């Protein structure tokens, strides 16, 4: 129900959704300092993240919140999560409701305001029903799709996407081709 306060809150404004693609490396993201900005996943690893003023941050991949936190590599990932408030940022953070226990156990809710969504609503071409983030949210395959859907829900009129390079599929194909 907390998500309801966000519905149409930014009507008529514009926003920018930043993926993690390498095309961002050639962009001066400091130009977005006075804009509404969505960031995703481990964007905090970027050397210029402190220069980006992010307003909204999304984690959607279950691997982020279902990991064994006793492992060193997962502790390192948690430390990256904690950098979400770097620089001038104090974003509203979003995660599937399945990640709420992880947020509470790791005390991420002490450093950021969290909103949760329940991604169960299947989307299909020609769908007439509006999606909502108060109950059943859309179920998407990528975190960027969640950002765009939330931006629409929030009332943003113009949504610009940057760094959506589709490099994950290229990496998977290259890995498969190198296997014996």
N, C-alpha and C. Protein backbone atom coordinates (compact mmCIF):
# COMPACT_ATOMS: atom_id res chain seq x y z
N UNK A 1 0.83 -1.20 0.00
CA UNK A 1 0.00 0.00 0.00
C UNK A 1 0.86 1.26 0.00
N UNK A 2 2.06 1.18 0.54
CA UNK A 2 2.96 2.33 0.57
C UNK A 2 3.23 2.86 -0.84
N UNK A 3 3.23 1.95 -1.81
CA UNK A 3 3.50 2.35 -3.20
C UNK A 3 2.46 3.31 -3.74
N UNK A 4 1.27 3.28 -3.19
CA UNK A 4 0.19 4.14 -3.66
C UNK A 4 0.57 5.62 -3.58
N UNK A 5 1.40 5.99 -2.62
CA UNK A 5 1.82 7.39 -2.50
C UNK A 5 2.64 7.86 -3.71
N UNK A 6 3.18 6.92 -4.47
CA UNK A 6 4.00 7.25 -5.64
C UNK A 6 3.18 7.42 -6.92
N UNK A 7 1.95 6.92 -6.93
CA UNK A 7 1.13 6.94 -8.14
C UNK A 7 0.90 8.38 -8.60
N UNK A 8 1.32 8.64 -9.83
CA UNK A 8 1.18 9.96 -10.49
C UNK A 8 1.85 11.10 -9.73
N UNK A 9 2.78 10.80 -8.86
CA UNK A 9 3.48 11.81 -8.08
C UNK A 9 4.33 12.75 -8.94
N UNK A 10 4.77 12.28 -10.09
CA UNK A 10 5.66 13.06 -10.94
C UNK A 10 5.02 13.38 -12.30
N UNK A 11 3.72 13.50 -12.32
CA UNK A 11 2.98 13.74 -13.56
C UNK A 11 3.56 14.92 -14.33
N UNK A 12 3.84 14.66 -15.60
CA UNK A 12 4.32 15.70 -16.50
C UNK A 12 5.82 15.89 -16.51
N UNK A 13 6.54 15.28 -15.58
CA UNK A 13 8.00 15.42 -15.53
C UNK A 13 8.67 14.43 -16.45
N UNK A 14 9.99 14.56 -16.58
CA UNK A 14 10.76 13.59 -17.35
C UNK A 14 11.74 12.90 -16.42
N UNK A 15 12.16 11.71 -16.84
CA UNK A 15 13.14 10.96 -16.05
C UNK A 15 14.08 10.22 -16.99
N UNK A 16 15.17 9.75 -16.40
CA UNK A 16 16.18 8.99 -17.12
C UNK A 16 16.38 7.66 -16.41
N UNK A 17 16.38 6.58 -17.16
CA UNK A 17 16.62 5.24 -16.64
C UNK A 17 18.00 4.81 -17.12
N UNK A 18 18.90 4.54 -16.17
CA UNK A 18 20.26 4.15 -16.52
C UNK A 18 20.45 2.66 -16.31
N UNK A 19 20.75 1.96 -17.39
CA UNK A 19 21.13 0.56 -17.28
C UNK A 19 22.60 0.50 -16.89
N UNK A 20 23.22 -0.63 -17.06
CA UNK A 20 24.64 -0.78 -16.71
C UNK A 20 25.51 -1.02 -17.94
N UNK A 21 24.99 -0.75 -19.13
CA UNK A 21 25.73 -1.02 -20.35
C UNK A 21 26.95 -0.15 -20.53
N UNK A 22 27.94 -0.66 -21.28
CA UNK A 22 29.18 0.08 -21.50
C UNK A 22 29.00 1.39 -22.28
N UNK A 23 27.87 1.56 -22.94
CA UNK A 23 27.65 2.82 -23.65
C UNK A 23 27.58 4.00 -22.68
N UNK A 24 27.31 3.75 -21.41
CA UNK A 24 27.31 4.83 -20.41
C UNK A 24 28.70 5.40 -20.18
N UNK A 25 29.73 4.61 -20.50
CA UNK A 25 31.10 5.05 -20.25
C UNK A 25 31.47 6.29 -21.05
N UNK A 26 30.78 6.55 -22.13
CA UNK A 26 31.10 7.72 -22.97
C UNK A 26 30.19 8.91 -22.67
N UNK A 27 29.31 8.75 -21.70
CA UNK A 27 28.35 9.81 -21.37
C UNK A 27 28.79 10.58 -20.12
N UNK A 28 28.53 11.87 -20.12
CA UNK A 28 28.77 12.69 -18.94
C UNK A 28 27.50 12.68 -18.11
N UNK A 29 27.42 11.77 -17.17
CA UNK A 29 26.21 11.57 -16.38
C UNK A 29 25.99 12.68 -15.35
N UNK A 30 27.00 13.52 -15.13
CA UNK A 30 26.81 14.64 -14.21
C UNK A 30 25.79 15.63 -14.77
N UNK A 31 25.53 15.58 -16.06
CA UNK A 31 24.52 16.46 -16.66
C UNK A 31 23.11 16.10 -16.18
N UNK A 32 22.97 14.96 -15.55
CA UNK A 32 21.66 14.52 -15.06
C UNK A 32 21.43 14.91 -13.60
N UNK A 33 22.31 15.72 -13.02
CA UNK A 33 22.24 16.02 -11.59
C UNK A 33 20.95 16.70 -11.16
N UNK A 34 20.29 17.39 -12.05
CA UNK A 34 19.03 18.06 -11.71
C UNK A 34 17.82 17.35 -12.31
N UNK A 35 18.01 16.12 -12.74
CA UNK A 35 16.94 15.34 -13.36
C UNK A 35 16.50 14.23 -12.41
N UNK A 36 15.37 13.63 -12.70
CA UNK A 36 14.94 12.43 -11.98
C UNK A 36 15.63 11.25 -12.64
N UNK A 37 16.36 10.46 -11.84
CA UNK A 37 17.17 9.38 -12.39
C UNK A 37 16.87 8.06 -11.67
N UNK A 38 16.66 7.01 -12.47
CA UNK A 38 16.53 5.65 -11.99
C UNK A 38 17.85 4.94 -12.27
N UNK A 39 18.38 4.22 -11.29
CA UNK A 39 19.54 3.37 -11.50
C UNK A 39 19.17 1.94 -11.11
N UNK A 40 20.02 1.01 -11.50
CA UNK A 40 19.68 -0.41 -11.30
C UNK A 40 20.85 -1.23 -10.79
N UNK A 41 20.50 -2.32 -10.13
CA UNK A 41 21.42 -3.37 -9.71
C UNK A 41 22.68 -2.82 -9.06
N UNK A 42 23.81 -3.14 -9.64
CA UNK A 42 25.09 -2.78 -9.04
C UNK A 42 25.72 -1.56 -9.72
N UNK A 43 24.90 -0.63 -10.08
CA UNK A 43 25.37 0.61 -10.71
C UNK A 43 26.38 1.33 -9.79
N UNK A 44 26.31 1.05 -8.50
CA UNK A 44 27.20 1.69 -7.54
C UNK A 44 28.67 1.33 -7.79
N UNK A 45 28.92 0.32 -8.58
CA UNK A 45 30.29 -0.07 -8.92
C UNK A 45 30.94 0.92 -9.90
N UNK A 46 30.13 1.73 -10.54
CA UNK A 46 30.66 2.70 -11.50
C UNK A 46 31.55 3.70 -10.77
N UNK A 47 32.68 4.03 -11.36
CA UNK A 47 33.58 4.98 -10.72
C UNK A 47 32.95 6.37 -10.58
N UNK A 48 31.99 6.69 -11.43
CA UNK A 48 31.36 8.01 -11.37
C UNK A 48 30.01 7.99 -10.65
N UNK A 49 29.70 6.90 -9.95
CA UNK A 49 28.38 6.79 -9.32
C UNK A 49 28.12 7.93 -8.33
N UNK A 50 29.16 8.34 -7.61
CA UNK A 50 28.98 9.42 -6.63
C UNK A 50 28.60 10.73 -7.30
N UNK A 51 28.88 10.85 -8.58
CA UNK A 51 28.55 12.07 -9.33
C UNK A 51 27.12 12.04 -9.85
N UNK A 52 26.53 10.85 -9.88
CA UNK A 52 25.17 10.70 -10.37
C UNK A 52 24.22 10.90 -9.20
N UNK A 53 23.28 11.77 -9.32
CA UNK A 53 22.26 11.91 -8.27
C UNK A 53 21.10 11.01 -8.66
N UNK A 54 21.04 9.85 -8.05
CA UNK A 54 19.97 8.92 -8.35
C UNK A 54 18.81 9.13 -7.38
N UNK A 55 17.61 9.15 -7.92
CA UNK A 55 16.41 9.32 -7.10
C UNK A 55 15.72 8.01 -6.77
N UNK A 56 15.89 7.02 -7.68
CA UNK A 56 15.20 5.73 -7.55
C UNK A 56 16.18 4.64 -7.94
N UNK A 57 16.23 3.59 -7.15
CA UNK A 57 17.15 2.49 -7.45
C UNK A 57 16.40 1.17 -7.35
N UNK A 58 16.56 0.32 -8.37
CA UNK A 58 15.87 -0.97 -8.46
C UNK A 58 16.84 -2.13 -8.38
N UNK A 59 16.45 -3.13 -7.58
CA UNK A 59 17.05 -4.45 -7.60
C UNK A 59 15.91 -5.41 -7.90
N UNK A 60 16.07 -6.28 -8.87
CA UNK A 60 15.00 -7.21 -9.19
C UNK A 60 15.46 -8.67 -9.28
N UNK A 61 16.73 -8.89 -9.50
CA UNK A 61 17.24 -10.25 -9.68
C UNK A 61 17.29 -10.98 -8.34
N UNK A 62 16.60 -12.12 -8.22
CA UNK A 62 16.59 -12.86 -6.95
C UNK A 62 17.97 -13.23 -6.43
N UNK A 63 18.97 -13.32 -7.29
CA UNK A 63 20.30 -13.68 -6.82
C UNK A 63 20.82 -12.64 -5.82
N UNK A 64 20.35 -11.40 -5.93
CA UNK A 64 20.81 -10.36 -5.02
C UNK A 64 20.31 -10.56 -3.60
N UNK A 65 19.13 -11.11 -3.44
CA UNK A 65 18.57 -11.19 -2.10
C UNK A 65 18.35 -12.63 -1.61
N UNK A 66 18.84 -13.59 -2.34
CA UNK A 66 18.71 -14.98 -1.89
C UNK A 66 20.07 -15.63 -1.70
N UNK A 67 21.09 -14.82 -1.61
CA UNK A 67 22.44 -15.34 -1.49
C UNK A 67 22.79 -15.65 -0.03
N UNK A 68 23.71 -16.55 0.14
CA UNK A 68 24.23 -16.90 1.46
C UNK A 68 25.19 -15.80 1.90
N UNK A 69 24.80 -15.02 2.88
CA UNK A 69 25.58 -13.87 3.31
C UNK A 69 26.81 -14.24 4.13
N UNK A 70 27.03 -15.54 4.38
CA UNK A 70 28.25 -15.94 5.08
C UNK A 70 29.43 -16.05 4.11
N UNK A 71 29.14 -16.04 2.81
CA UNK A 71 30.20 -16.14 1.80
C UNK A 71 30.80 -14.77 1.54
N UNK A 72 32.12 -14.73 1.37
CA UNK A 72 32.85 -13.49 1.17
C UNK A 72 32.35 -12.71 -0.03
N UNK A 73 32.11 -13.40 -1.14
CA UNK A 73 31.67 -12.69 -2.34
C UNK A 73 30.29 -12.04 -2.16
N UNK A 74 29.45 -12.65 -1.35
CA UNK A 74 28.13 -12.07 -1.10
C UNK A 74 28.22 -10.91 -0.11
N UNK A 75 29.16 -10.99 0.82
CA UNK A 75 29.40 -9.86 1.72
C UNK A 75 29.88 -8.65 0.92
N UNK A 76 30.72 -8.91 -0.07
CA UNK A 76 31.22 -7.83 -0.94
C UNK A 76 30.05 -7.20 -1.70
N UNK A 77 29.13 -8.04 -2.18
CA UNK A 77 27.95 -7.54 -2.89
C UNK A 77 27.09 -6.69 -1.96
N UNK A 78 26.94 -7.11 -0.72
CA UNK A 78 26.18 -6.34 0.26
C UNK A 78 26.83 -4.98 0.49
N UNK A 79 28.15 -4.95 0.55
CA UNK A 79 28.85 -3.67 0.71
C UNK A 79 28.60 -2.75 -0.48
N UNK A 80 28.47 -3.32 -1.66
CA UNK A 80 28.12 -2.53 -2.84
C UNK A 80 26.72 -1.97 -2.67
N UNK A 81 25.79 -2.80 -2.21
CA UNK A 81 24.40 -2.35 -1.96
C UNK A 81 24.40 -1.13 -1.05
N UNK A 82 25.23 -1.17 -0.03
CA UNK A 82 25.24 -0.10 0.97
C UNK A 82 25.74 1.22 0.42
N UNK A 83 26.32 1.20 -0.76
CA UNK A 83 26.82 2.43 -1.37
C UNK A 83 25.73 3.16 -2.17
N UNK A 84 24.50 2.71 -2.11
CA UNK A 84 23.41 3.30 -2.88
C UNK A 84 23.20 4.78 -2.50
N UNK A 85 23.59 5.16 -1.31
CA UNK A 85 23.43 6.55 -0.87
C UNK A 85 24.71 7.37 -1.06
N UNK A 86 25.57 6.96 -1.96
CA UNK A 86 26.82 7.66 -2.19
C UNK A 86 26.59 9.06 -2.76
N UNK A 87 27.52 9.95 -2.48
CA UNK A 87 27.44 11.30 -3.04
C UNK A 87 26.19 12.03 -2.57
N UNK A 88 25.48 12.64 -3.50
CA UNK A 88 24.28 13.41 -3.19
C UNK A 88 23.01 12.58 -3.27
N UNK A 89 23.14 11.28 -3.38
CA UNK A 89 21.98 10.42 -3.58
C UNK A 89 21.37 9.96 -2.27
N UNK A 90 20.07 9.89 -2.27
CA UNK A 90 19.30 9.27 -1.20
C UNK A 90 18.06 8.69 -1.86
N UNK A 91 18.27 7.67 -2.71
CA UNK A 91 17.15 7.20 -3.54
C UNK A 91 16.12 6.39 -2.79
N UNK A 92 14.92 6.41 -3.34
CA UNK A 92 13.91 5.45 -2.95
C UNK A 92 14.33 4.14 -3.62
N UNK A 93 14.40 3.07 -2.85
CA UNK A 93 14.86 1.79 -3.39
C UNK A 93 13.68 0.83 -3.54
N UNK A 94 13.75 0.03 -4.57
CA UNK A 94 12.68 -0.90 -4.91
C UNK A 94 13.24 -2.31 -5.03
N UNK A 95 12.46 -3.26 -4.51
CA UNK A 95 12.87 -4.65 -4.57
C UNK A 95 11.60 -5.51 -4.53
N UNK A 96 11.62 -6.67 -5.17
CA UNK A 96 10.47 -7.58 -5.04
C UNK A 96 10.24 -7.91 -3.56
N UNK A 97 9.00 -8.13 -3.20
CA UNK A 97 8.63 -8.43 -1.82
C UNK A 97 9.41 -9.62 -1.28
N UNK A 98 9.81 -10.52 -2.15
CA UNK A 98 10.60 -11.68 -1.71
C UNK A 98 11.94 -11.26 -1.13
N UNK A 99 12.40 -10.06 -1.40
CA UNK A 99 13.67 -9.57 -0.87
C UNK A 99 13.55 -8.82 0.44
N UNK A 100 12.34 -8.65 0.95
CA UNK A 100 12.16 -7.86 2.17
C UNK A 100 12.92 -8.46 3.36
N UNK A 101 12.88 -9.78 3.51
CA UNK A 101 13.60 -10.43 4.62
C UNK A 101 15.10 -10.11 4.53
N UNK A 102 15.65 -10.17 3.31
CA UNK A 102 17.07 -9.85 3.10
C UNK A 102 17.36 -8.41 3.53
N UNK A 103 16.50 -7.49 3.14
CA UNK A 103 16.68 -6.08 3.49
C UNK A 103 16.68 -5.90 5.01
N UNK A 104 15.75 -6.54 5.67
CA UNK A 104 15.64 -6.42 7.13
C UNK A 104 16.84 -7.07 7.83
N UNK A 105 17.21 -8.27 7.39
CA UNK A 105 18.32 -8.98 8.03
C UNK A 105 19.66 -8.28 7.85
N UNK A 106 19.84 -7.61 6.74
CA UNK A 106 21.11 -6.92 6.45
C UNK A 106 21.06 -5.44 6.82
N UNK A 107 19.93 -5.00 7.32
CA UNK A 107 19.74 -3.62 7.78
C UNK A 107 19.89 -2.58 6.67
N UNK A 108 19.62 -3.00 5.46
CA UNK A 108 19.64 -2.03 4.36
C UNK A 108 18.56 -0.97 4.56
N UNK A 109 17.49 -1.32 5.26
CA UNK A 109 16.42 -0.36 5.51
C UNK A 109 16.86 0.76 6.46
N UNK A 110 18.01 0.60 7.11
CA UNK A 110 18.55 1.66 7.95
C UNK A 110 19.23 2.75 7.11
N UNK A 111 19.63 2.40 5.90
CA UNK A 111 20.36 3.38 5.08
C UNK A 111 19.55 3.89 3.89
N UNK A 112 18.42 3.27 3.62
CA UNK A 112 17.62 3.69 2.46
C UNK A 112 16.15 3.39 2.71
N UNK A 113 15.30 4.14 2.05
CA UNK A 113 13.86 3.91 2.12
C UNK A 113 13.49 2.88 1.06
N UNK A 114 12.84 1.81 1.49
CA UNK A 114 12.50 0.72 0.57
C UNK A 114 11.01 0.67 0.27
N UNK A 115 10.74 0.36 -1.00
CA UNK A 115 9.40 0.08 -1.48
C UNK A 115 9.47 -1.32 -2.07
N UNK A 116 8.41 -2.09 -1.90
CA UNK A 116 8.40 -3.46 -2.39
C UNK A 116 7.28 -3.64 -3.41
N UNK A 117 7.48 -4.60 -4.29
CA UNK A 117 6.46 -4.92 -5.28
C UNK A 117 6.37 -6.43 -5.40
N UNK A 118 5.21 -6.87 -5.82
CA UNK A 118 4.93 -8.31 -5.94
C UNK A 118 4.75 -8.63 -7.43
N UNK A 119 5.82 -9.06 -8.10
CA UNK A 119 5.78 -9.24 -9.57
C UNK A 119 5.10 -10.54 -10.00
N UNK A 120 3.79 -10.47 -10.14
CA UNK A 120 3.04 -11.67 -10.52
C UNK A 120 2.17 -11.46 -11.75
N UNK A 121 1.93 -10.22 -12.12
CA UNK A 121 1.00 -9.95 -13.23
C UNK A 121 1.71 -10.16 -14.57
N UNK A 122 1.22 -11.10 -15.34
CA UNK A 122 1.80 -11.37 -16.65
C UNK A 122 1.36 -10.30 -17.64
N UNK A 123 2.30 -9.81 -18.40
CA UNK A 123 2.02 -8.80 -19.42
C UNK A 123 1.95 -9.51 -20.77
N UNK A 124 1.09 -9.03 -21.64
CA UNK A 124 0.96 -9.63 -22.96
C UNK A 124 0.51 -8.57 -23.95
N UNK A 125 0.82 -8.76 -25.24
CA UNK A 125 0.41 -7.80 -26.25
C UNK A 125 -1.10 -7.60 -26.26
N UNK A 126 -1.54 -6.38 -26.36
CA UNK A 126 -2.95 -6.08 -26.40
C UNK A 126 -3.62 -6.03 -25.03
N UNK A 127 -2.84 -6.14 -23.99
CA UNK A 127 -3.40 -6.13 -22.64
C UNK A 127 -4.11 -4.80 -22.39
N UNK A 128 -5.30 -4.86 -21.84
CA UNK A 128 -6.12 -3.67 -21.61
C UNK A 128 -6.08 -3.21 -20.15
N UNK A 129 -5.73 -4.10 -19.25
CA UNK A 129 -5.72 -3.80 -17.83
C UNK A 129 -4.50 -2.93 -17.47
N UNK A 130 -4.73 -1.88 -16.69
CA UNK A 130 -3.62 -1.08 -16.19
C UNK A 130 -2.85 -1.89 -15.16
N UNK A 131 -1.55 -1.72 -15.15
CA UNK A 131 -0.80 -2.40 -14.10
C UNK A 131 -0.68 -1.47 -12.90
N UNK A 132 -0.41 -2.08 -11.79
CA UNK A 132 -0.35 -1.34 -10.54
C UNK A 132 0.83 -1.83 -9.72
N UNK A 133 1.29 -1.02 -8.83
CA UNK A 133 2.34 -1.45 -7.91
C UNK A 133 1.82 -1.54 -6.48
N UNK A 134 0.50 -1.41 -6.33
CA UNK A 134 -0.09 -1.53 -5.00
C UNK A 134 -0.33 -2.98 -4.63
N UNK A 135 -0.66 -3.80 -5.58
CA UNK A 135 -0.94 -5.21 -5.31
C UNK A 135 -0.03 -6.05 -6.19
N UNK A 136 -0.56 -6.60 -7.24
CA UNK A 136 0.25 -7.42 -8.15
C UNK A 136 0.89 -6.54 -9.21
N UNK A 137 2.19 -6.49 -9.19
CA UNK A 137 2.94 -5.69 -10.16
C UNK A 137 3.23 -6.52 -11.40
N UNK A 138 3.59 -5.86 -12.48
CA UNK A 138 3.97 -6.60 -13.68
C UNK A 138 5.17 -7.51 -13.39
N UNK A 139 5.26 -8.61 -14.11
CA UNK A 139 6.38 -9.53 -13.99
C UNK A 139 7.21 -9.41 -15.27
N UNK A 140 8.39 -8.83 -15.12
CA UNK A 140 9.25 -8.57 -16.28
C UNK A 140 10.52 -9.41 -16.20
N UNK A 141 11.24 -9.47 -17.31
CA UNK A 141 12.49 -10.21 -17.39
C UNK A 141 13.72 -9.41 -17.05
N UNK A 142 13.62 -8.07 -17.08
CA UNK A 142 14.80 -7.25 -16.78
C UNK A 142 14.44 -6.15 -15.80
N UNK A 143 15.42 -5.73 -15.05
CA UNK A 143 15.23 -4.68 -14.06
C UNK A 143 14.87 -3.34 -14.72
N UNK A 144 15.37 -3.11 -15.91
CA UNK A 144 15.06 -1.86 -16.61
C UNK A 144 13.57 -1.78 -16.94
N UNK A 145 12.96 -2.91 -17.27
CA UNK A 145 11.53 -2.91 -17.54
C UNK A 145 10.74 -2.52 -16.29
N UNK A 146 11.20 -2.95 -15.13
CA UNK A 146 10.55 -2.53 -13.88
C UNK A 146 10.66 -1.02 -13.70
N UNK A 147 11.83 -0.48 -14.00
CA UNK A 147 12.02 0.98 -13.87
C UNK A 147 11.07 1.74 -14.79
N UNK A 148 10.98 1.30 -16.02
CA UNK A 148 10.09 1.98 -16.97
C UNK A 148 8.64 1.88 -16.52
N UNK A 149 8.23 0.70 -16.06
CA UNK A 149 6.86 0.53 -15.58
C UNK A 149 6.59 1.43 -14.37
N UNK A 150 7.55 1.50 -13.46
CA UNK A 150 7.37 2.36 -12.29
C UNK A 150 7.33 3.83 -12.69
N UNK A 151 8.15 4.21 -13.65
CA UNK A 151 8.14 5.59 -14.13
C UNK A 151 6.77 5.95 -14.70
N UNK A 152 6.18 5.03 -15.45
CA UNK A 152 4.82 5.23 -15.99
C UNK A 152 3.83 5.35 -14.83
N UNK A 153 3.93 4.45 -13.87
CA UNK A 153 3.05 4.46 -12.70
C UNK A 153 3.17 5.79 -11.94
N UNK A 154 4.39 6.32 -11.87
CA UNK A 154 4.63 7.57 -11.15
C UNK A 154 4.17 8.79 -11.94
N UNK A 155 3.83 8.60 -13.20
CA UNK A 155 3.29 9.69 -13.99
C UNK A 155 4.30 10.42 -14.86
N UNK A 156 5.52 9.93 -14.95
CA UNK A 156 6.50 10.61 -15.80
C UNK A 156 5.99 10.63 -17.23
N UNK A 157 6.10 11.79 -17.86
CA UNK A 157 5.61 11.95 -19.22
C UNK A 157 6.65 11.54 -20.25
N UNK A 158 7.91 11.83 -19.95
CA UNK A 158 9.01 11.49 -20.85
C UNK A 158 9.99 10.60 -20.11
N UNK A 159 10.30 9.46 -20.72
CA UNK A 159 11.19 8.48 -20.10
C UNK A 159 12.32 8.20 -21.09
N UNK A 160 13.54 8.56 -20.70
CA UNK A 160 14.71 8.35 -21.55
C UNK A 160 15.53 7.21 -20.96
N UNK A 161 15.98 6.30 -21.81
CA UNK A 161 16.78 5.18 -21.35
C UNK A 161 18.19 5.29 -21.91
N UNK A 162 19.16 5.04 -21.06
CA UNK A 162 20.58 5.07 -21.43
C UNK A 162 21.25 3.81 -20.88
N UNK A 163 22.24 3.32 -21.59
CA UNK A 163 23.00 2.18 -21.10
C UNK A 163 22.25 0.86 -21.16
N UNK A 164 21.32 0.76 -22.08
CA UNK A 164 20.55 -0.48 -22.26
C UNK A 164 21.13 -1.16 -23.50
N UNK A 165 22.25 -1.81 -23.31
CA UNK A 165 23.03 -2.30 -24.43
C UNK A 165 22.79 -3.75 -24.80
N UNK A 166 22.11 -4.51 -23.98
CA UNK A 166 21.89 -5.92 -24.29
C UNK A 166 23.17 -6.72 -24.29
N UNK A 167 24.14 -6.32 -23.48
CA UNK A 167 25.43 -7.01 -23.49
C UNK A 167 25.40 -8.35 -22.78
N UNK A 168 24.41 -8.58 -21.92
CA UNK A 168 24.34 -9.86 -21.22
C UNK A 168 24.21 -11.03 -22.17
N UNK A 169 23.40 -10.88 -23.19
CA UNK A 169 23.24 -11.97 -24.15
C UNK A 169 24.53 -12.19 -24.94
N UNK A 170 25.24 -11.11 -25.24
CA UNK A 170 26.51 -11.24 -25.96
C UNK A 170 27.52 -12.00 -25.10
N UNK A 171 27.59 -11.67 -23.83
CA UNK A 171 28.50 -12.36 -22.91
C UNK A 171 28.16 -13.84 -22.84
N UNK A 172 26.87 -14.17 -22.74
CA UNK A 172 26.46 -15.57 -22.67
C UNK A 172 26.81 -16.32 -23.94
N UNK A 173 26.61 -15.71 -25.09
CA UNK A 173 26.94 -16.35 -26.37
C UNK A 173 28.44 -16.56 -26.47
N UNK A 174 29.22 -15.53 -26.13
CA UNK A 174 30.68 -15.67 -26.19
C UNK A 174 31.17 -16.77 -25.27
N UNK A 175 30.59 -16.86 -24.06
CA UNK A 175 30.97 -17.92 -23.13
C UNK A 175 30.64 -19.28 -23.71
N UNK A 176 29.47 -19.42 -24.31
CA UNK A 176 29.06 -20.71 -24.87
C UNK A 176 29.95 -21.10 -26.03
N UNK A 177 30.37 -20.14 -26.84
CA UNK A 177 31.22 -20.44 -27.99
C UNK A 177 32.61 -20.87 -27.57
N UNK A 178 33.09 -20.43 -26.41
CA UNK A 178 34.42 -20.77 -25.94
C UNK A 178 34.48 -22.11 -25.24
N UNK A 179 33.31 -22.66 -24.89
CA UNK A 179 33.29 -23.96 -24.21
C UNK A 179 33.68 -25.07 -25.16
N UNK A 180 34.36 -26.08 -24.64
CA UNK A 180 34.78 -27.23 -25.46
C UNK A 180 33.66 -28.22 -25.61
